[in-house]
Amino acid sequence: MAEKKDARVVCPCCNSRIEVDVRTGKILRWRRPEELDETGKPIMRDSDWNDASQRVSGRLGEAQGRFDSSFDKEKSRERDLDDLFRKAQDKLQKKKEERRE
C-alpha cells in the first residue's frame, strides 16, 4: 500500500492551510485563508504563473547544460582511455627495464 507523502493542516491561530512532508516534517507550502477560493483551492495569480514558468525555463536550461557537458566528456572519453592505456604500458615497460638492470 502506498504511503501518503504529505499532510494538509489548518493552523488553529490564523486558519492558514499548511502542507507538510510527513517523512521529513518540513513545510512544503502554505496559504493564508484570503489566498484560497471557496472550495479551499489556492487562487492563482499572474505572478504565480510567471514564477512557475521561470523555474521551469531555468530547469530546462540547466538540463541542456548538463547534457552538453556529458556529451563533451563522452566524445573525449576514447582519447582519455587511450592515454591512460598508453601511460600504463609505459609504466610497465619501465618496470621491466628496471628489473633487467
N, C-alpha and C. Protein backbone atom coordinates (compact mmCIF):
# COMPACT_ATOMS: atom_id res chain seq x y z
N MET A 1 0.83 -1.17 0.00
CA MET A 1 0.00 0.00 0.00
C MET A 1 0.88 1.25 0.00
N ALA A 2 0.53 2.22 -0.82
CA ALA A 2 1.32 3.44 -0.94
C ALA A 2 1.15 4.31 0.30
N GLU A 3 2.27 4.83 0.76
CA GLU A 3 2.26 5.69 1.93
C GLU A 3 2.04 7.14 1.49
N LYS A 4 1.23 7.87 2.24
CA LYS A 4 0.97 9.27 1.92
C LYS A 4 2.24 10.09 2.16
N LYS A 5 2.53 11.01 1.27
CA LYS A 5 3.78 11.78 1.35
C LYS A 5 3.61 13.13 2.03
N ASP A 6 2.40 13.67 2.02
CA ASP A 6 2.22 14.97 2.65
C ASP A 6 0.87 15.03 3.36
N ALA A 7 0.79 15.95 4.31
CA ALA A 7 -0.43 16.13 5.08
C ALA A 7 -0.82 17.59 5.01
N ARG A 8 -2.13 17.83 4.93
CA ARG A 8 -2.65 19.20 4.93
C ARG A 8 -3.21 19.49 6.31
N VAL A 9 -2.78 20.63 6.85
CA VAL A 9 -3.17 21.01 8.20
C VAL A 9 -3.67 22.45 8.16
N VAL A 10 -4.69 22.75 8.96
CA VAL A 10 -5.16 24.12 9.09
C VAL A 10 -4.65 24.66 10.42
N CYS A 11 -3.96 25.80 10.37
CA CYS A 11 -3.42 26.41 11.57
C CYS A 11 -4.56 26.90 12.45
N PRO A 12 -4.57 26.52 13.73
CA PRO A 12 -5.66 26.95 14.61
C PRO A 12 -5.61 28.44 14.94
N CYS A 13 -4.47 29.08 14.77
CA CYS A 13 -4.34 30.50 15.11
C CYS A 13 -4.81 31.42 13.98
N CYS A 14 -4.31 31.17 12.77
CA CYS A 14 -4.57 32.10 11.66
C CYS A 14 -5.40 31.49 10.54
N ASN A 15 -5.77 30.22 10.66
CA ASN A 15 -6.55 29.48 9.65
C ASN A 15 -5.83 29.34 8.31
N SER A 16 -4.52 29.47 8.30
CA SER A 16 -3.75 29.23 7.08
C SER A 16 -3.70 27.74 6.82
N ARG A 17 -3.68 27.38 5.54
CA ARG A 17 -3.54 25.97 5.18
C ARG A 17 -2.06 25.67 4.99
N ILE A 18 -1.57 24.63 5.66
CA ILE A 18 -0.16 24.26 5.63
C ILE A 18 -0.05 22.84 5.09
N GLU A 19 0.86 22.62 4.15
CA GLU A 19 1.14 21.27 3.65
C GLU A 19 2.51 20.86 4.16
N VAL A 20 2.55 19.70 4.83
CA VAL A 20 3.76 19.22 5.48
C VAL A 20 4.17 17.88 4.88
N ASP A 21 5.47 17.71 4.62
CA ASP A 21 6.01 16.42 4.18
C ASP A 21 6.09 15.53 5.42
N VAL A 22 5.33 14.42 5.41
CA VAL A 22 5.26 13.60 6.62
C VAL A 22 6.57 12.85 6.88
N ARG A 23 7.36 12.64 5.86
CA ARG A 23 8.62 11.92 6.06
C ARG A 23 9.69 12.79 6.72
N THR A 24 9.76 14.06 6.29
CA THR A 24 10.81 14.94 6.81
C THR A 24 10.29 15.92 7.86
N GLY A 25 8.98 16.16 7.86
CA GLY A 25 8.40 17.12 8.79
C GLY A 25 8.55 18.56 8.32
N LYS A 26 9.04 18.77 7.11
CA LYS A 26 9.24 20.12 6.58
C LYS A 26 7.95 20.64 5.95
N ILE A 27 7.76 21.96 6.06
CA ILE A 27 6.61 22.60 5.44
C ILE A 27 6.89 22.75 3.95
N LEU A 28 6.00 22.20 3.13
CA LEU A 28 6.16 22.28 1.68
C LEU A 28 5.61 23.59 1.14
N ARG A 29 4.41 23.98 1.60
CA ARG A 29 3.80 25.24 1.17
C ARG A 29 2.72 25.63 2.16
N TRP A 30 2.35 26.90 2.12
CA TRP A 30 1.28 27.36 2.98
C TRP A 30 0.55 28.51 2.29
N ARG A 31 -0.70 28.64 2.62
CA ARG A 31 -1.54 29.71 2.05
C ARG A 31 -2.39 30.32 3.15
N ARG A 32 -2.50 31.64 3.11
CA ARG A 32 -3.39 32.34 4.03
C ARG A 32 -4.83 32.10 3.58
N PRO A 33 -5.79 32.23 4.48
CA PRO A 33 -7.20 32.00 4.10
C PRO A 33 -7.65 32.88 2.95
N GLU A 34 -7.16 34.12 2.88
CA GLU A 34 -7.59 35.01 1.80
C GLU A 34 -6.99 34.63 0.45
N GLU A 35 -6.03 33.71 0.44
CA GLU A 35 -5.43 33.25 -0.81
C GLU A 35 -6.10 31.98 -1.32
N LEU A 36 -7.19 31.56 -0.67
CA LEU A 36 -7.93 30.36 -1.07
C LEU A 36 -9.31 30.74 -1.57
N ASP A 37 -9.82 29.99 -2.56
CA ASP A 37 -11.17 30.25 -3.03
C ASP A 37 -12.18 29.54 -2.12
N GLU A 38 -13.45 29.58 -2.50
CA GLU A 38 -14.50 28.99 -1.64
C GLU A 38 -14.40 27.47 -1.52
N THR A 39 -13.70 26.83 -2.45
CA THR A 39 -13.54 25.36 -2.36
C THR A 39 -12.28 24.97 -1.59
N GLY A 40 -11.47 25.96 -1.21
CA GLY A 40 -10.25 25.67 -0.47
C GLY A 40 -9.02 25.53 -1.34
N LYS A 41 -9.19 25.73 -2.63
CA LYS A 41 -8.05 25.64 -3.55
C LYS A 41 -7.35 27.00 -3.62
N PRO A 42 -6.03 27.00 -3.84
CA PRO A 42 -5.29 28.27 -3.93
C PRO A 42 -5.75 29.09 -5.13
N ILE A 43 -5.84 30.39 -4.92
CA ILE A 43 -6.13 31.31 -6.01
C ILE A 43 -4.81 31.60 -6.72
N MET A 44 -4.78 31.32 -8.00
CA MET A 44 -3.56 31.50 -8.77
C MET A 44 -3.52 32.91 -9.35
N ARG A 45 -2.45 33.62 -9.05
CA ARG A 45 -2.25 34.97 -9.58
C ARG A 45 -1.29 34.91 -10.76
N ASP A 46 -1.26 35.96 -11.52
CA ASP A 46 -0.34 36.02 -12.67
C ASP A 46 1.10 35.86 -12.22
N SER A 47 1.45 36.42 -11.08
CA SER A 47 2.83 36.32 -10.59
C SER A 47 3.18 34.86 -10.27
N ASP A 48 2.19 34.08 -9.80
CA ASP A 48 2.43 32.66 -9.52
C ASP A 48 2.79 31.92 -10.81
N TRP A 49 2.03 32.21 -11.87
CA TRP A 49 2.29 31.56 -13.15
C TRP A 49 3.64 31.99 -13.71
N ASN A 50 3.96 33.26 -13.58
CA ASN A 50 5.24 33.75 -14.09
C ASN A 50 6.41 33.11 -13.34
N ASP A 51 6.28 33.02 -12.01
CA ASP A 51 7.34 32.40 -11.22
C ASP A 51 7.53 30.93 -11.61
N ALA A 52 6.42 30.23 -11.77
CA ALA A 52 6.50 28.82 -12.14
C ALA A 52 7.12 28.66 -13.53
N SER A 53 6.75 29.52 -14.44
CA SER A 53 7.30 29.47 -15.80
C SER A 53 8.80 29.71 -15.79
N GLN A 54 9.24 30.67 -14.99
CA GLN A 54 10.68 30.95 -14.90
C GLN A 54 11.45 29.78 -14.30
N ARG A 55 10.87 29.13 -13.28
CA ARG A 55 11.54 27.97 -12.67
C ARG A 55 11.68 26.84 -13.68
N VAL A 56 10.61 26.59 -14.45
CA VAL A 56 10.66 25.53 -15.46
C VAL A 56 11.68 25.86 -16.54
N SER A 57 11.69 27.10 -16.99
CA SER A 57 12.67 27.51 -18.01
C SER A 57 14.09 27.35 -17.50
N GLY A 58 14.31 27.71 -16.25
CA GLY A 58 15.63 27.55 -15.66
C GLY A 58 16.06 26.10 -15.60
N ARG A 59 15.13 25.22 -15.24
CA ARG A 59 15.46 23.79 -15.18
C ARG A 59 15.80 23.25 -16.56
N LEU A 60 15.06 23.71 -17.58
CA LEU A 60 15.35 23.25 -18.94
C LEU A 60 16.74 23.70 -19.38
N GLY A 61 17.11 24.92 -19.04
CA GLY A 61 18.44 25.42 -19.39
C GLY A 61 19.53 24.64 -18.68
N GLU A 62 19.31 24.34 -17.40
CA GLU A 62 20.28 23.56 -16.64
C GLU A 62 20.42 22.16 -17.21
N ALA A 63 19.31 21.58 -17.59
CA ALA A 63 19.34 20.22 -18.15
C ALA A 63 20.13 20.21 -19.46
N GLN A 64 19.91 21.22 -20.29
CA GLN A 64 20.65 21.29 -21.56
C GLN A 64 22.14 21.43 -21.29
N GLY A 65 22.50 22.25 -20.31
CA GLY A 65 23.91 22.43 -19.97
C GLY A 65 24.54 21.14 -19.47
N ARG A 66 23.82 20.42 -18.62
CA ARG A 66 24.35 19.13 -18.12
C ARG A 66 24.48 18.13 -19.26
N PHE A 67 23.51 18.13 -20.17
CA PHE A 67 23.59 17.21 -21.31
C PHE A 67 24.81 17.53 -22.17
N ASP A 68 25.00 18.81 -22.49
CA ASP A 68 26.14 19.21 -23.32
C ASP A 68 27.46 18.83 -22.66
N SER A 69 27.56 19.04 -21.36
CA SER A 69 28.77 18.70 -20.62
C SER A 69 29.04 17.19 -20.69
N SER A 70 28.01 16.41 -20.46
CA SER A 70 28.17 14.95 -20.51
C SER A 70 28.52 14.48 -21.91
N PHE A 71 27.92 15.10 -22.91
CA PHE A 71 28.19 14.73 -24.29
C PHE A 71 29.65 15.03 -24.65
N ASP A 72 30.15 16.19 -24.21
CA ASP A 72 31.55 16.53 -24.48
C ASP A 72 32.50 15.55 -23.79
N LYS A 73 32.18 15.16 -22.55
CA LYS A 73 33.00 14.18 -21.85
C LYS A 73 33.02 12.85 -22.60
N GLU A 74 31.86 12.45 -23.08
CA GLU A 74 31.76 11.16 -23.79
C GLU A 74 32.55 11.21 -25.09
N LYS A 75 32.55 12.35 -25.78
CA LYS A 75 33.30 12.46 -27.03
C LYS A 75 34.80 12.31 -26.79
N SER A 76 35.30 12.82 -25.67
CA SER A 76 36.73 12.74 -25.40
C SER A 76 37.10 11.49 -24.60
N ARG A 77 36.13 10.68 -24.28
CA ARG A 77 36.39 9.51 -23.43
C ARG A 77 37.35 8.51 -24.08
N GLU A 78 37.17 8.23 -25.36
CA GLU A 78 38.03 7.26 -26.04
C GLU A 78 39.48 7.73 -26.01
N ARG A 79 39.68 9.01 -26.28
CA ARG A 79 41.04 9.57 -26.25
C ARG A 79 41.64 9.47 -24.84
N ASP A 80 40.83 9.80 -23.83
CA ASP A 80 41.31 9.73 -22.45
C ASP A 80 41.68 8.31 -22.05
N LEU A 81 40.85 7.34 -22.46
CA LEU A 81 41.15 5.94 -22.14
C LEU A 81 42.40 5.46 -22.87
N ASP A 82 42.58 5.90 -24.12
CA ASP A 82 43.80 5.56 -24.86
C ASP A 82 45.03 6.12 -24.17
N ASP A 83 44.93 7.35 -23.67
CA ASP A 83 46.06 7.96 -22.94
C ASP A 83 46.38 7.18 -21.67
N LEU A 84 45.36 6.80 -20.94
CA LEU A 84 45.58 6.00 -19.72
C LEU A 84 46.24 4.66 -20.05
N PHE A 85 45.79 4.02 -21.12
CA PHE A 85 46.36 2.73 -21.52
C PHE A 85 47.83 2.91 -21.91
N ARG A 86 48.12 3.97 -22.65
CA ARG A 86 49.49 4.24 -23.08
C ARG A 86 50.39 4.48 -21.86
N LYS A 87 49.89 5.25 -20.89
CA LYS A 87 50.67 5.51 -19.67
C LYS A 87 50.92 4.22 -18.90
N ALA A 88 49.92 3.35 -18.83
CA ALA A 88 50.10 2.08 -18.13
C ALA A 88 51.12 1.21 -18.85
N GLN A 89 51.10 1.22 -20.17
CA GLN A 89 52.09 0.45 -20.94
C GLN A 89 53.50 0.99 -20.69
N ASP A 90 53.64 2.31 -20.69
CA ASP A 90 54.95 2.93 -20.44
C ASP A 90 55.46 2.56 -19.05
N LYS A 91 54.56 2.62 -18.07
CA LYS A 91 54.94 2.29 -16.70
C LYS A 91 55.39 0.83 -16.60
N LEU A 92 54.68 -0.06 -17.26
CA LEU A 92 55.04 -1.47 -17.26
C LEU A 92 56.39 -1.69 -17.95
N GLN A 93 56.60 -0.98 -19.04
CA GLN A 93 57.86 -1.09 -19.77
C GLN A 93 59.03 -0.64 -18.89
N LYS A 94 58.85 0.47 -18.15
CA LYS A 94 59.90 0.98 -17.27
C LYS A 94 60.22 -0.03 -16.17
N LYS A 95 59.17 -0.67 -15.62
CA LYS A 95 59.41 -1.66 -14.56
C LYS A 95 60.19 -2.85 -15.12
N LYS A 96 59.88 -3.28 -16.32
CA LYS A 96 60.60 -4.40 -16.95
C LYS A 96 62.07 -4.03 -17.15
N GLU A 97 62.32 -2.80 -17.59
CA GLU A 97 63.69 -2.36 -17.81
C GLU A 97 64.46 -2.28 -16.50
N GLU A 98 63.80 -1.81 -15.43
CA GLU A 98 64.45 -1.73 -14.12
C GLU A 98 64.82 -3.11 -13.61
N ARG A 99 64.02 -4.11 -13.85
CA ARG A 99 64.29 -5.47 -13.40
C ARG A 99 65.48 -6.07 -14.13
N ARG A 100 65.64 -5.68 -15.39
CA ARG A 100 66.75 -6.23 -16.19
C ARG A 100 68.07 -5.65 -15.75
N GLU A 101 68.06 -4.46 -15.21
CA GLU A 101 69.33 -3.81 -14.83
C GLU A 101 69.88 -4.32 -13.58
